[in-house]
Amino acid sequence: VILVNKWDLVEKDTMSTRDYELKIREELQPWTDVPILFVSAL
């Protein structure tokens, strides 16, 4: 499971989460069926 932490520190627009997730999945090829969540421990 991939957790993108410190999400509260990132400046966001309406596409931020989707774009960020797509970029990660591109790096994970060929295995892209992995859950990605945007979290903040703080």
PDB file of all heavy atoms in Angstrom:
ATOM      1  N   VAL A   1       0.879  -1.169   0.000  1.00  0.00           N
ATOM      2  CA  VAL A   1       0.000   0.000   0.000  1.00  0.00           C
ATOM      3  C   VAL A   1       0.917   1.220   0.000  1.00  0.00           C
ATOM      4  O   VAL A   1       1.863   1.283   0.791  1.00  0.00           O
ATOM      5  CB  VAL A   1      -0.911   0.033   1.249  1.00  0.00           C
ATOM      6  CG1 VAL A   1      -1.754   1.297   1.272  1.00  0.00           C
ATOM      7  CG2 VAL A   1      -1.794  -1.208   1.301  1.00  0.00           C
ATOM      8  N   ILE A   2       0.660   2.185  -0.879  1.00  0.00           N
ATOM      9  CA  ILE A   2       1.484   3.392  -0.939  1.00  0.00           C
ATOM     10  C   ILE A   2       0.736   4.545  -0.282  1.00  0.00           C
ATOM     11  O   ILE A   2      -0.413   4.837  -0.649  1.00  0.00           O
ATOM     12  CB  ILE A   2       1.851   3.745  -2.397  1.00  0.00           C
ATOM     13  CG1 ILE A   2       2.728   2.647  -2.991  1.00  0.00           C
ATOM     14  CG2 ILE A   2       2.570   5.093  -2.476  1.00  0.00           C
ATOM     15  CD1 ILE A   2       3.061   2.836  -4.465  1.00  0.00           C
ATOM     16  N   LEU A   3       1.367   5.167   0.698  1.00  0.00           N
ATOM     17  CA  LEU A   3       0.789   6.341   1.367  1.00  0.00           C
ATOM     18  C   LEU A   3       1.623   7.565   1.008  1.00  0.00           C
ATOM     19  O   LEU A   3       2.828   7.602   1.279  1.00  0.00           O
ATOM     20  CB  LEU A   3       0.787   6.163   2.881  1.00  0.00           C
ATOM     21  CG  LEU A   3       0.034   4.952   3.459  1.00  0.00           C
ATOM     22  CD1 LEU A   3       0.026   5.020   4.978  1.00  0.00           C
ATOM     23  CD2 LEU A   3      -1.395   4.887   2.926  1.00  0.00           C
ATOM     24  N   VAL A   4       0.987   8.546   0.388  1.00  0.00           N
ATOM     25  CA  VAL A   4       1.660   9.812   0.095  1.00  0.00           C
ATOM     26  C   VAL A   4       1.440  10.709   1.305  1.00  0.00           C
ATOM     27  O   VAL A   4       0.370  11.288   1.486  1.00  0.00           O
ATOM     28  CB  VAL A   4       1.101  10.448  -1.200  1.00  0.00           C
ATOM     29  CG1 VAL A   4       1.865  11.721  -1.539  1.00  0.00           C
ATOM     30  CG2 VAL A   4       1.181   9.458  -2.364  1.00  0.00           C
ATOM     31  N   ASN A   5       2.460  10.800   2.162  1.00  0.00           N
ATOM     32  CA  ASN A   5       2.350  11.528   3.429  1.00  0.00           C
ATOM     33  C   ASN A   5       2.690  13.014   3.237  1.00  0.00           C
ATOM     34  O   ASN A   5       3.239  13.396   2.208  1.00  0.00           O
ATOM     35  CB  ASN A   5       3.294  10.894   4.460  1.00  0.00           C
ATOM     36  CG  ASN A   5       3.055  11.410   5.863  1.00  0.00           C
ATOM     37  OD1 ASN A   5       1.954  11.828   6.208  1.00  0.00           O
ATOM     38  ND2 ASN A   5       4.095  11.410   6.679  1.00  0.00           N
ATOM     39  N   LYS A   6       2.349  13.811   4.234  1.00  0.00           N
ATOM     40  CA  LYS A   6       2.577  15.268   4.231  1.00  0.00           C
ATOM     41  C   LYS A   6       1.779  15.960   3.118  1.00  0.00           C
ATOM     42  O   LYS A   6       2.211  16.969   2.566  1.00  0.00           O
ATOM     43  CB  LYS A   6       4.073  15.589   4.088  1.00  0.00           C
ATOM     44  CG  LYS A   6       4.955  14.894   5.122  1.00  0.00           C
ATOM     45  CD  LYS A   6       6.412  15.298   5.007  1.00  0.00           C
ATOM     46  CE  LYS A   6       7.279  14.491   5.956  1.00  0.00           C
ATOM     47  NZ  LYS A   6       8.713  14.811   5.846  1.00  0.00           N
ATOM     48  N   TRP A   7       0.611  15.368   2.788  1.00  0.00           N
ATOM     49  CA  TRP A   7      -0.222  15.929   1.716  1.00  0.00           C
ATOM     50  C   TRP A   7      -0.747  17.316   2.084  1.00  0.00           C
ATOM     51  O   TRP A   7      -1.077  18.111   1.223  1.00  0.00           O
ATOM     52  CB  TRP A   7      -1.373  14.965   1.405  1.00  0.00           C
ATOM     53  CG  TRP A   7      -2.103  15.278   0.133  1.00  0.00           C
ATOM     54  CD1 TRP A   7      -3.424  15.557  -0.001  1.00  0.00           C
ATOM     55  CD2 TRP A   7      -1.557  15.340  -1.187  1.00  0.00           C
ATOM     56  NE1 TRP A   7      -3.744  15.783  -1.317  1.00  0.00           N
ATOM     57  CE2 TRP A   7      -2.605  15.655  -2.075  1.00  0.00           C
ATOM     58  CE3 TRP A   7      -0.289  15.163  -1.716  1.00  0.00           C
ATOM     59  CZ2 TRP A   7      -2.439  15.802  -3.450  1.00  0.00           C
ATOM     60  CZ3 TRP A   7      -0.097  15.307  -3.086  1.00  0.00           C
ATOM     61  CH2 TRP A   7      -1.161  15.623  -3.930  1.00  0.00           C
ATOM     62  N   ASP A   8      -0.787  17.604   3.394  1.00  0.00           N
ATOM     63  CA  ASP A   8      -1.259  18.917   3.838  1.00  0.00           C
ATOM     64  C   ASP A   8      -0.257  20.033   3.501  1.00  0.00           C
ATOM     65  O   ASP A   8      -0.605  21.208   3.516  1.00  0.00           O
ATOM     66  CB  ASP A   8      -1.508  18.900   5.345  1.00  0.00           C
ATOM     67  CG  ASP A   8      -0.286  18.405   6.126  1.00  0.00           C
ATOM     68  OD1 ASP A   8       0.285  17.375   5.711  1.00  0.00           O
ATOM     69  OD2 ASP A   8       0.095  19.037   7.124  1.00  0.00           O
ATOM     70  N   LEU A   9       0.987  19.657   3.182  1.00  0.00           N
ATOM     71  CA  LEU A   9       2.010  20.663   2.883  1.00  0.00           C
ATOM     72  C   LEU A   9       2.112  20.989   1.391  1.00  0.00           C
ATOM     73  O   LEU A   9       2.864  21.868   0.995  1.00  0.00           O
ATOM     74  CB  LEU A   9       3.392  20.177   3.367  1.00  0.00           C
ATOM     75  CG  LEU A   9       3.514  19.838   4.853  1.00  0.00           C
ATOM     76  CD1 LEU A   9       4.922  19.376   5.162  1.00  0.00           C
ATOM     77  CD2 LEU A   9       3.142  21.046   5.709  1.00  0.00           C
ATOM     78  N   VAL A  10       1.340  20.266   0.577  1.00  0.00           N
ATOM     79  CA  VAL A  10       1.433  20.443  -0.877  1.00  0.00           C
ATOM     80  C   VAL A  10       0.357  21.405  -1.353  1.00  0.00           C
ATOM     81  O   VAL A  10      -0.816  21.274  -0.974  1.00  0.00           O
ATOM     82  CB  VAL A  10       1.277  19.074  -1.597  1.00  0.00           C
ATOM     83  CG1 VAL A  10       1.291  19.241  -3.110  1.00  0.00           C
ATOM     84  CG2 VAL A  10       2.382  18.124  -1.165  1.00  0.00           C
ATOM     85  N   GLU A  11       0.763  22.360  -2.189  1.00  0.00           N
ATOM     86  CA  GLU A  11      -0.227  23.264  -2.801  1.00  0.00           C
ATOM     87  C   GLU A  11      -1.000  22.485  -3.848  1.00  0.00           C
ATOM     88  O   GLU A  11      -0.416  21.850  -4.726  1.00  0.00           O
ATOM     89  CB  GLU A  11       0.492  24.460  -3.448  1.00  0.00           C
ATOM     90  CG  GLU A  11       1.094  25.417  -2.437  1.00  0.00           C
ATOM     91  CD  GLU A  11       1.666  26.649  -3.109  1.00  0.00           C
ATOM     92  OE1 GLU A  11       1.291  26.928  -4.271  1.00  0.00           O
ATOM     93  OE2 GLU A  11       2.491  27.326  -2.476  1.00  0.00           O
ATOM     94  N   LYS A  12      -2.331  22.565  -3.761  1.00  0.00           N
ATOM     95  CA  LYS A  12      -3.149  21.706  -4.627  1.00  0.00           C
ATOM     96  C   LYS A  12      -4.052  22.538  -5.544  1.00  0.00           C
ATOM     97  O   LYS A  12      -4.467  23.631  -5.202  1.00  0.00           O
ATOM     98  CB  LYS A  12      -4.030  20.784  -3.774  1.00  0.00           C
ATOM     99  CG  LYS A  12      -3.263  19.958  -2.769  1.00  0.00           C
ATOM    100  CD  LYS A  12      -4.191  19.235  -1.849  1.00  0.00           C
ATOM    101  CE  LYS A  12      -3.601  18.901  -0.505  1.00  0.00           C
ATOM    102  NZ  LYS A  12      -2.817  19.907   0.144  1.00  0.00           N
ATOM    103  N   ASP A  13      -4.361  21.954  -6.691  1.00  0.00           N
ATOM    104  CA  ASP A  13      -5.448  22.464  -7.519  1.00  0.00           C
ATOM    105  C   ASP A  13      -6.383  21.282  -7.779  1.00  0.00           C
ATOM    106  O   ASP A  13      -6.192  20.212  -7.207  1.00  0.00           O
ATOM    107  CB  ASP A  13      -4.918  23.071  -8.838  1.00  0.00           C
ATOM    108  CG  ASP A  13      -4.060  22.093  -9.622  1.00  0.00           C
ATOM    109  OD1 ASP A  13      -4.446  20.912  -9.690  1.00  0.00           O
ATOM    110  OD2 ASP A  13      -3.017  22.497 -10.166  1.00  0.00           O
ATOM    111  N   THR A  14      -7.350  21.430  -8.624  1.00  0.00           N
ATOM    112  CA  THR A  14      -8.355  20.366  -8.796  1.00  0.00           C
ATOM    113  C   THR A  14      -7.758  19.085  -9.385  1.00  0.00           C
ATOM    114  O   THR A  14      -8.332  18.019  -9.257  1.00  0.00           O
ATOM    115  CB  THR A  14      -9.477  20.860  -9.741  1.00  0.00           C
ATOM    116  OG1 THR A  14      -8.877  21.376 -10.923  1.00  0.00           O
ATOM    117  CG2 THR A  14     -10.315  21.929  -9.063  1.00  0.00           C
ATOM    118  N   MET A  15      -6.613  19.172 -10.030  1.00  0.00           N
ATOM    119  CA  MET A  15      -6.028  18.001 -10.678  1.00  0.00           C
ATOM    120  C   MET A  15      -4.884  17.380  -9.874  1.00  0.00           C
ATOM    121  O   MET A  15      -4.346  16.361 -10.268  1.00  0.00           O
ATOM    122  CB  MET A  15      -5.485  18.404 -12.067  1.00  0.00           C
ATOM    123  CG  MET A  15      -6.523  18.956 -13.018  1.00  0.00           C
ATOM    124  SD  MET A  15      -7.641  17.677 -13.585  1.00  0.00           S
ATOM    125  CE  MET A  15      -6.631  16.914 -14.842  1.00  0.00           C
ATOM    126  N   SER A  16      -4.493  17.992  -8.768  1.00  0.00           N
ATOM    127  CA  SER A  16      -3.268  17.573  -8.075  1.00  0.00           C
ATOM    128  C   SER A  16      -3.235  16.077  -7.750  1.00  0.00           C
ATOM    129  O   SER A  16      -2.279  15.397  -8.092  1.00  0.00           O
ATOM    130  CB  SER A  16      -3.096  18.356  -6.781  1.00  0.00           C
ATOM    131  OG  SER A  16      -2.678  19.650  -7.064  1.00  0.00           O
ATOM    132  N   THR A  17      -4.274  15.585  -7.083  1.00  0.00           N
ATOM    133  CA  THR A  17      -4.273  14.192  -6.632  1.00  0.00           C
ATOM    134  C   THR A  17      -4.184  13.243  -7.812  1.00  0.00           C
ATOM    135  O   THR A  17      -3.380  12.316  -7.820  1.00  0.00           O
ATOM    136  CB  THR A  17      -5.559  13.889  -5.822  1.00  0.00           C
ATOM    137  OG1 THR A  17      -5.690  14.878  -4.809  1.00  0.00           O
ATOM    138  CG2 THR A  17      -5.491  12.535  -5.186  1.00  0.00           C
ATOM    139  N   ARG A  18      -5.007  13.493  -8.832  1.00  0.00           N
ATOM    140  CA  ARG A  18      -5.027  12.595  -9.990  1.00  0.00           C
ATOM    141  C   ARG A  18      -3.679  12.603 -10.721  1.00  0.00           C
ATOM    142  O   ARG A  18      -3.158  11.543 -11.087  1.00  0.00           O
ATOM    143  CB  ARG A  18      -6.155  13.004 -10.950  1.00  0.00           C
ATOM    144  CG  ARG A  18      -6.428  11.922 -12.000  1.00  0.00           C
ATOM    145  CD  ARG A  18      -7.562  12.313 -12.906  1.00  0.00           C
ATOM    146  NE  ARG A  18      -7.150  13.351 -13.851  1.00  0.00           N
ATOM    147  CZ  ARG A  18      -7.937  13.859 -14.783  1.00  0.00           C
ATOM    148  NH1 ARG A  18      -9.194  13.463 -14.870  1.00  0.00           N
ATOM    149  NH2 ARG A  18      -7.507  14.779 -15.618  1.00  0.00           N
ATOM    150  N   ASP A  19      -3.131  13.797 -10.932  1.00  0.00           N
ATOM    151  CA  ASP A  19      -1.855  13.900 -11.642  1.00  0.00           C
ATOM    152  C   ASP A  19      -0.735  13.211 -10.871  1.00  0.00           C
ATOM    153  O   ASP A  19       0.097  12.515 -11.442  1.00  0.00           O
ATOM    154  CB  ASP A  19      -1.486  15.373 -11.877  1.00  0.00           C
ATOM    155  CG  ASP A  19      -2.422  16.046 -12.880  1.00  0.00           C
ATOM    156  OD1 ASP A  19      -3.179  15.302 -13.541  1.00  0.00           O
ATOM    157  OD2 ASP A  19      -2.397  17.280 -12.992  1.00  0.00           O
ATOM    158  N   TYR A  20      -0.735  13.416  -9.567  1.00  0.00           N
ATOM    159  CA  TYR A  20       0.303  12.830  -8.713  1.00  0.00           C
ATOM    160  C   TYR A  20       0.211  11.303  -8.761  1.00  0.00           C
ATOM    161  O   TYR A  20       1.220  10.610  -8.890  1.00  0.00           O
ATOM    162  CB  TYR A  20       0.092  13.334  -7.284  1.00  0.00           C
ATOM    163  CG  TYR A  20       1.343  13.369  -6.428  1.00  0.00           C
ATOM    164  CD1 TYR A  20       1.978  14.561  -6.126  1.00  0.00           C
ATOM    165  CD2 TYR A  20       1.875  12.193  -5.907  1.00  0.00           C
ATOM    166  CE1 TYR A  20       3.112  14.597  -5.325  1.00  0.00           C
ATOM    167  CE2 TYR A  20       3.008  12.219  -5.106  1.00  0.00           C
ATOM    168  CZ  TYR A  20       3.617  13.425  -4.822  1.00  0.00           C
ATOM    169  OH  TYR A  20       4.745  13.444  -4.033  1.00  0.00           O
ATOM    170  N   GLU A  21      -1.027  10.799  -8.690  1.00  0.00           N
ATOM    171  CA  GLU A  21      -1.239   9.343  -8.717  1.00  0.00           C
ATOM    172  C   GLU A  21      -0.813   8.753 -10.055  1.00  0.00           C
ATOM    173  O   GLU A  21      -0.155   7.708 -10.102  1.00  0.00           O
ATOM    174  CB  GLU A  21      -2.711   9.040  -8.433  1.00  0.00           C
ATOM    175  CG  GLU A  21      -2.998   7.552  -8.329  1.00  0.00           C
ATOM    176  CD  GLU A  21      -4.435   7.255  -7.933  1.00  0.00           C
ATOM    177  OE1 GLU A  21      -5.047   8.073  -7.200  1.00  0.00           O
ATOM    178  OE2 GLU A  21      -4.944   6.205  -8.361  1.00  0.00           O
ATOM    179  N   LEU A  22      -1.186   9.426 -11.156  1.00  0.00           N
ATOM    180  CA  LEU A  22      -0.796   8.936 -12.487  1.00  0.00           C
ATOM    181  C   LEU A  22       0.721   8.865 -12.637  1.00  0.00           C
ATOM    182  O   LEU A  22       1.259   7.919 -13.213  1.00  0.00           O
ATOM    183  CB  LEU A  22      -1.381   9.839 -13.588  1.00  0.00           C
ATOM    184  CG  LEU A  22      -2.863   9.641 -13.893  1.00  0.00           C
ATOM    185  CD1 LEU A  22      -3.362  10.724 -14.852  1.00  0.00           C
ATOM    186  CD2 LEU A  22      -3.098   8.251 -14.508  1.00  0.00           C
ATOM    187  N   LYS A  23       1.395   9.873 -12.096  1.00  0.00           N
ATOM    188  CA  LYS A  23       2.853   9.908 -12.189  1.00  0.00           C
ATOM    189  C   LYS A  23       3.473   8.729 -11.448  1.00  0.00           C
ATOM    190  O   LYS A  23       4.408   8.084 -11.932  1.00  0.00           O
ATOM    191  CB  LYS A  23       3.366  11.230 -11.606  1.00  0.00           C
ATOM    192  CG  LYS A  23       4.800  11.522 -11.947  1.00  0.00           C
ATOM    193  CD  LYS A  23       5.209  12.895 -11.463  1.00  0.00           C
ATOM    194  CE  LYS A  23       6.691  13.148 -11.752  1.00  0.00           C
ATOM    195  NZ  LYS A  23       7.161  14.407 -11.182  1.00  0.00           N
ATOM    196  N   ILE A  24       2.930   8.421 -10.260  1.00  0.00           N
ATOM    197  CA  ILE A  24       3.442   7.275  -9.498  1.00  0.00           C
ATOM    198  C   ILE A  24       3.197   5.985 -10.265  1.00  0.00           C
ATOM    199  O   ILE A  24       4.078   5.135 -10.381  1.00  0.00           O
ATOM    200  CB  ILE A  24       2.787   7.207  -8.101  1.00  0.00           C
ATOM    201  CG1 ILE A  24       3.242   8.398  -7.237  1.00  0.00           C
ATOM    202  CG2 ILE A  24       3.134   5.898  -7.395  1.00  0.00           C
ATOM    203  CD1 ILE A  24       2.546   8.489  -5.889  1.00  0.00           C
ATOM    204  N   ARG A  25       1.978   5.830 -10.810  1.00  0.00           N
ATOM    205  CA  ARG A  25       1.650   4.579 -11.514  1.00  0.00           C
ATOM    206  C   ARG A  25       2.528   4.384 -12.752  1.00  0.00           C
ATOM    207  O   ARG A  25       2.853   3.256 -13.124  1.00  0.00           O
ATOM    208  CB  ARG A  25       0.166   4.549 -11.883  1.00  0.00           C
ATOM    209  CG  ARG A  25      -0.736   4.463 -10.656  1.00  0.00           C
ATOM    210  CD  ARG A  25      -2.139   4.015 -10.973  1.00  0.00           C
ATOM    211  NE  ARG A  25      -3.007   4.148  -9.807  1.00  0.00           N
ATOM    212  CZ  ARG A  25      -3.049   3.287  -8.798  1.00  0.00           C
ATOM    213  NH1 ARG A  25      -2.269   2.222  -8.816  1.00  0.00           N
ATOM    214  NH2 ARG A  25      -3.860   3.485  -7.773  1.00  0.00           N
ATOM    215  N   GLU A  26       2.902   5.480 -13.400  1.00  0.00           N
ATOM    216  CA  GLU A  26       3.826   5.363 -14.541  1.00  0.00           C
ATOM    217  C   GLU A  26       5.157   4.757 -14.101  1.00  0.00           C
ATOM    218  O   GLU A  26       5.750   3.947 -14.805  1.00  0.00           O
ATOM    219  CB  GLU A  26       4.072   6.752 -15.151  1.00  0.00           C
ATOM    220  CG  GLU A  26       2.975   7.216 -16.087  1.00  0.00           C
ATOM    221  CD  GLU A  26       3.204   8.637 -16.585  1.00  0.00           C
ATOM    222  OE1 GLU A  26       4.366   9.092 -16.552  1.00  0.00           O
ATOM    223  OE2 GLU A  26       2.222   9.291 -16.970  1.00  0.00           O
ATOM    224  N   GLU A  27       5.612   5.167 -12.915  1.00  0.00           N
ATOM    225  CA  GLU A  27       6.890   4.665 -12.406  1.00  0.00           C
ATOM    226  C   GLU A  27       6.798   3.197 -11.970  1.00  0.00           C
ATOM    227  O   GLU A  27       7.813   2.507 -11.899  1.00  0.00           O
ATOM    228  CB  GLU A  27       7.351   5.516 -11.211  1.00  0.00           C
ATOM    229  CG  GLU A  27       7.534   6.992 -11.505  1.00  0.00           C
ATOM    230  CD  GLU A  27       8.746   7.270 -12.370  1.00  0.00           C
ATOM    231  OE1 GLU A  27       9.566   6.349 -12.548  1.00  0.00           O
ATOM    232  OE2 GLU A  27       8.868   8.398 -12.879  1.00  0.00           O
ATOM    233  N   LEU A  28       5.583   2.739 -11.642  1.00  0.00           N
ATOM    234  CA  LEU A  28       5.417   1.382 -11.116  1.00  0.00           C
ATOM    235  C   LEU A  28       5.240   0.328 -12.206  1.00  0.00           C
ATOM    236  O   LEU A  28       5.189  -0.858 -11.897  1.00  0.00           O
ATOM    237  CB  LEU A  28       4.198   1.314 -10.186  1.00  0.00           C
ATOM    238  CG  LEU A  28       4.212   2.185  -8.935  1.00  0.00           C
ATOM    239  CD1 LEU A  28       2.966   1.932  -8.112  1.00  0.00           C
ATOM    240  CD2 LEU A  28       5.456   1.914  -8.099  1.00  0.00           C
ATOM    241  N   GLN A  29       5.109   0.748 -13.455  1.00  0.00           N
ATOM    242  CA  GLN A  29       4.829  -0.231 -14.512  1.00  0.00           C
ATOM    243  C   GLN A  29       5.891  -1.334 -14.524  1.00  0.00           C
ATOM    244  O   GLN A  29       7.056  -1.059 -14.272  1.00  0.00           O
ATOM    245  CB  GLN A  29       4.787   0.483 -15.863  1.00  0.00           C
ATOM    246  CG  GLN A  29       3.560   1.352 -16.011  1.00  0.00           C
ATOM    247  CD  GLN A  29       3.473   2.032 -17.357  1.00  0.00           C
ATOM    248  OE1 GLN A  29       4.391   1.977 -18.156  1.00  0.00           O
ATOM    249  NE2 GLN A  29       2.377   2.711 -17.603  1.00  0.00           N
ATOM    250  N   PRO A  30       5.488  -2.596 -14.812  1.00  0.00           N
ATOM    251  CA  PRO A  30       4.171  -3.039 -15.277  1.00  0.00           C
ATOM    252  C   PRO A  30       3.154  -3.335 -14.170  1.00  0.00           C
ATOM    253  O   PRO A  30       2.010  -3.617 -14.459  1.00  0.00           O
ATOM    254  CB  PRO A  30       4.505  -4.333 -16.022  1.00  0.00           C
ATOM    255  CG  PRO A  30       5.685  -4.879 -15.281  1.00  0.00           C
ATOM    256  CD  PRO A  30       6.474  -3.689 -14.820  1.00  0.00           C
ATOM    257  N   TRP A  31       3.563  -3.305 -12.896  1.00  0.00           N
ATOM    258  CA  TRP A  31       2.600  -3.628 -11.821  1.00  0.00           C
ATOM    259  C   TRP A  31       2.016  -2.334 -11.264  1.00  0.00           C
ATOM    260  O   TRP A  31       2.608  -1.674 -10.438  1.00  0.00           O
ATOM    261  CB  TRP A  31       3.282  -4.428 -10.719  1.00  0.00           C
ATOM    262  CG  TRP A  31       2.320  -4.853  -9.648  1.00  0.00           C
ATOM    263  CD1 TRP A  31       1.015  -5.195  -9.812  1.00  0.00           C
ATOM    264  CD2 TRP A  31       2.573  -4.952  -8.242  1.00  0.00           C
ATOM    265  NE1 TRP A  31       0.431  -5.514  -8.597  1.00  0.00           N
ATOM    266  CE2 TRP A  31       1.369  -5.377  -7.618  1.00  0.00           C
ATOM    267  CE3 TRP A  31       3.689  -4.738  -7.456  1.00  0.00           C
ATOM    268  CZ2 TRP A  31       1.266  -5.587  -6.250  1.00  0.00           C
ATOM    269  CZ3 TRP A  31       3.582  -4.950  -6.087  1.00  0.00           C
ATOM    270  CH2 TRP A  31       2.384  -5.374  -5.494  1.00  0.00           C
ATOM    271  N   THR A  32       0.829  -1.988 -11.744  1.00  0.00           N
ATOM    272  CA  THR A  32       0.221  -0.715 -11.346  1.00  0.00           C
ATOM    273  C   THR A  32      -1.029  -0.895 -10.470  1.00  0.00           C
ATOM    274  O   THR A  32      -1.609   0.086 -10.031  1.00  0.00           O
ATOM    275  CB  THR A  32      -0.169   0.106 -12.583  1.00  0.00           C
ATOM    276  OG1 THR A  32      -1.072  -0.675 -13.381  1.00  0.00           O
ATOM    277  CG2 THR A  32       1.065   0.469 -13.404  1.00  0.00           C
ATOM    278  N   ASP A  33      -1.418  -2.147 -10.221  1.00  0.00           N
ATOM    279  CA  ASP A  33      -2.636  -2.411  -9.442  1.00  0.00           C
ATOM    280  C   ASP A  33      -2.321  -2.338  -7.943  1.00  0.00           C
ATOM    281  O   ASP A  33      -2.377  -3.330  -7.220  1.00  0.00           O
ATOM    282  CB  ASP A  33      -3.192  -3.788  -9.820  1.00  0.00           C
ATOM    283  CG  ASP A  33      -4.570  -4.039  -9.209  1.00  0.00           C
ATOM    284  OD1 ASP A  33      -5.247  -3.051  -8.853  1.00  0.00           O
ATOM    285  OD2 ASP A  33      -4.951  -5.215  -9.073  1.00  0.00           O
ATOM    286  N   VAL A  34      -1.935  -1.133  -7.520  1.00  0.00           N
ATOM    287  CA  VAL A  34      -1.512  -0.909  -6.129  1.00  0.00           C
ATOM    288  C   VAL A  34      -2.312   0.271  -5.576  1.00  0.00           C
ATOM    289  O   VAL A  34      -2.412   1.310  -6.231  1.00  0.00           O
ATOM    290  CB  VAL A  34      -0.005  -0.581  -6.071  1.00  0.00           C
ATOM    291  CG1 VAL A  34       0.432  -0.298  -4.646  1.00  0.00           C
ATOM    292  CG2 VAL A  34       0.810  -1.718  -6.655  1.00  0.00           C
ATOM    293  N   PRO A  35      -2.898   0.147  -4.374  1.00  0.00           N
ATOM    294  CA  PRO A  35      -3.641   1.282  -3.799  1.00  0.00           C
ATOM    295  C   PRO A  35      -2.704   2.430  -3.418  1.00  0.00           C
ATOM    296  O   PRO A  35      -1.649   2.201  -2.823  1.00  0.00           O
ATOM    297  CB  PRO A  35      -4.325   0.683  -2.570  1.00  0.00           C
ATOM    298  CG  PRO A  35      -3.602  -0.568  -2.263  1.00  0.00           C
ATOM    299  CD  PRO A  35      -2.969  -1.047  -3.520  1.00  0.00           C
ATOM    300  N   ILE A  36      -3.091   3.659  -3.782  1.00  0.00           N
ATOM    301  CA  ILE A  36      -2.316   4.857  -3.449  1.00  0.00           C
ATOM    302  C   ILE A  36      -3.244   5.804  -2.697  1.00  0.00           C
ATOM    303  O   ILE A  36      -4.291   6.193  -3.219  1.00  0.00           O
ATOM    304  CB  ILE A  36      -1.761   5.538  -4.725  1.00  0.00           C
ATOM    305  CG1 ILE A  36      -0.841   4.579  -5.482  1.00  0.00           C
ATOM    306  CG2 ILE A  36      -1.019   6.826  -4.371  1.00  0.00           C
ATOM    307  CD1 ILE A  36      -0.424   5.080  -6.860  1.00  0.00           C
ATOM    308  N   LEU A  37      -2.878   6.168  -1.473  1.00  0.00           N
ATOM    309  CA  LEU A  37      -3.703   7.068  -0.659  1.00  0.00           C
ATOM    310  C   LEU A  37      -2.899   8.305  -0.284  1.00  0.00           C
ATOM    311  O   LEU A  37      -1.693   8.231  -0.049  1.00  0.00           O
ATOM    312  CB  LEU A  37      -4.172   6.371   0.617  1.00  0.00           C
ATOM    313  CG  LEU A  37      -5.290   5.340   0.461  1.00  0.00           C
ATOM    314  CD1 LEU A  37      -4.716   3.980   0.158  1.00  0.00           C
ATOM    315  CD2 LEU A  37      -6.128   5.252   1.722  1.00  0.00           C
ATOM    316  N   PHE A  38      -3.578   9.437  -0.187  1.00  0.00           N
ATOM    317  CA  PHE A  38      -2.947  10.707   0.169  1.00  0.00           C
ATOM    318  C   PHE A  38      -3.316  11.023   1.608  1.00  0.00           C
ATOM    319  O   PHE A  38      -4.492  11.212   1.930  1.00  0.00           O
ATOM    320  CB  PHE A  38      -3.409  11.808  -0.792  1.00  0.00           C
ATOM    321  CG  PHE A  38      -2.954  11.554  -2.205  1.00  0.00           C
ATOM    322  CD1 PHE A  38      -3.672  10.712  -3.045  1.00  0.00           C
ATOM    323  CD2 PHE A  38      -1.785  12.123  -2.686  1.00  0.00           C
ATOM    324  CE1 PHE A  38      -3.238  10.449  -4.344  1.00  0.00           C
ATOM    325  CE2 PHE A  38      -1.351  11.877  -3.971  1.00  0.00           C
ATOM    326  CZ  PHE A  38      -2.070  11.037  -4.793  1.00  0.00           C
ATOM    327  N   VAL A  39      -2.318  11.037   2.488  1.00  0.00           N
ATOM    328  CA  VAL A  39      -2.582  11.144   3.920  1.00  0.00           C
ATOM    329  C   VAL A  39      -1.717  12.240   4.552  1.00  0.00           C
ATOM    330  O   VAL A  39      -0.802  12.775   3.930  1.00  0.00           O
ATOM    331  CB  VAL A  39      -2.295   9.793   4.638  1.00  0.00           C
ATOM    332  CG1 VAL A  39      -3.096   8.667   4.041  1.00  0.00           C
ATOM    333  CG2 VAL A  39      -0.796   9.465   4.612  1.00  0.00           C
ATOM    334  N   SER A  40      -2.023  12.531   5.791  1.00  0.00           N
ATOM    335  CA  SER A  40      -1.182  13.429   6.581  1.00  0.00           C
ATOM    336  C   SER A  40      -1.128  12.896   8.006  1.00  0.00           C
ATOM    337  O   SER A  40      -2.153  12.829   8.682  1.00  0.00           O
ATOM    338  CB  SER A  40      -1.726  14.852   6.576  1.00  0.00           C
ATOM    339  OG  SER A  40      -1.065  15.625   7.566  1.00  0.00           O
ATOM    340  N   ALA A  41       0.067  12.479   8.447  1.00  0.00           N
ATOM    341  CA  ALA A  41       0.222  11.981   9.817  1.00  0.00           C
ATOM    342  C   ALA A  41       0.007  13.110  10.819  1.00  0.00           C
ATOM    343  O   ALA A  41      -0.466  12.883  11.930  1.00  0.00           O
ATOM    344  CB  ALA A  41       1.606  11.374   9.989  1.00  0.00           C
ATOM    345  N   LEU A  42       0.323  14.333  10.394  1.00  0.00           N
ATOM    346  CA  LEU A  42       0.218  15.484  11.308  1.00  0.00           C
ATOM    347  C   LEU A  42      -1.244  15.823  11.599  1.00  0.00           C
ATOM    348  O   LEU A  42      -1.636  15.998  12.755  1.00  0.00           O
ATOM    349  CB  LEU A  42       0.937  16.695  10.689  1.00  0.00           C
ATOM    350  CG  LEU A  42       1.169  17.881  11.608  1.00  0.00           C
ATOM    351  CD1 LEU A  42       2.132  17.511  12.729  1.00  0.00           C
ATOM    352  CD2 LEU A  42       1.721  19.072  10.819  1.00  0.00           C
TER     353      LEU A  42
END
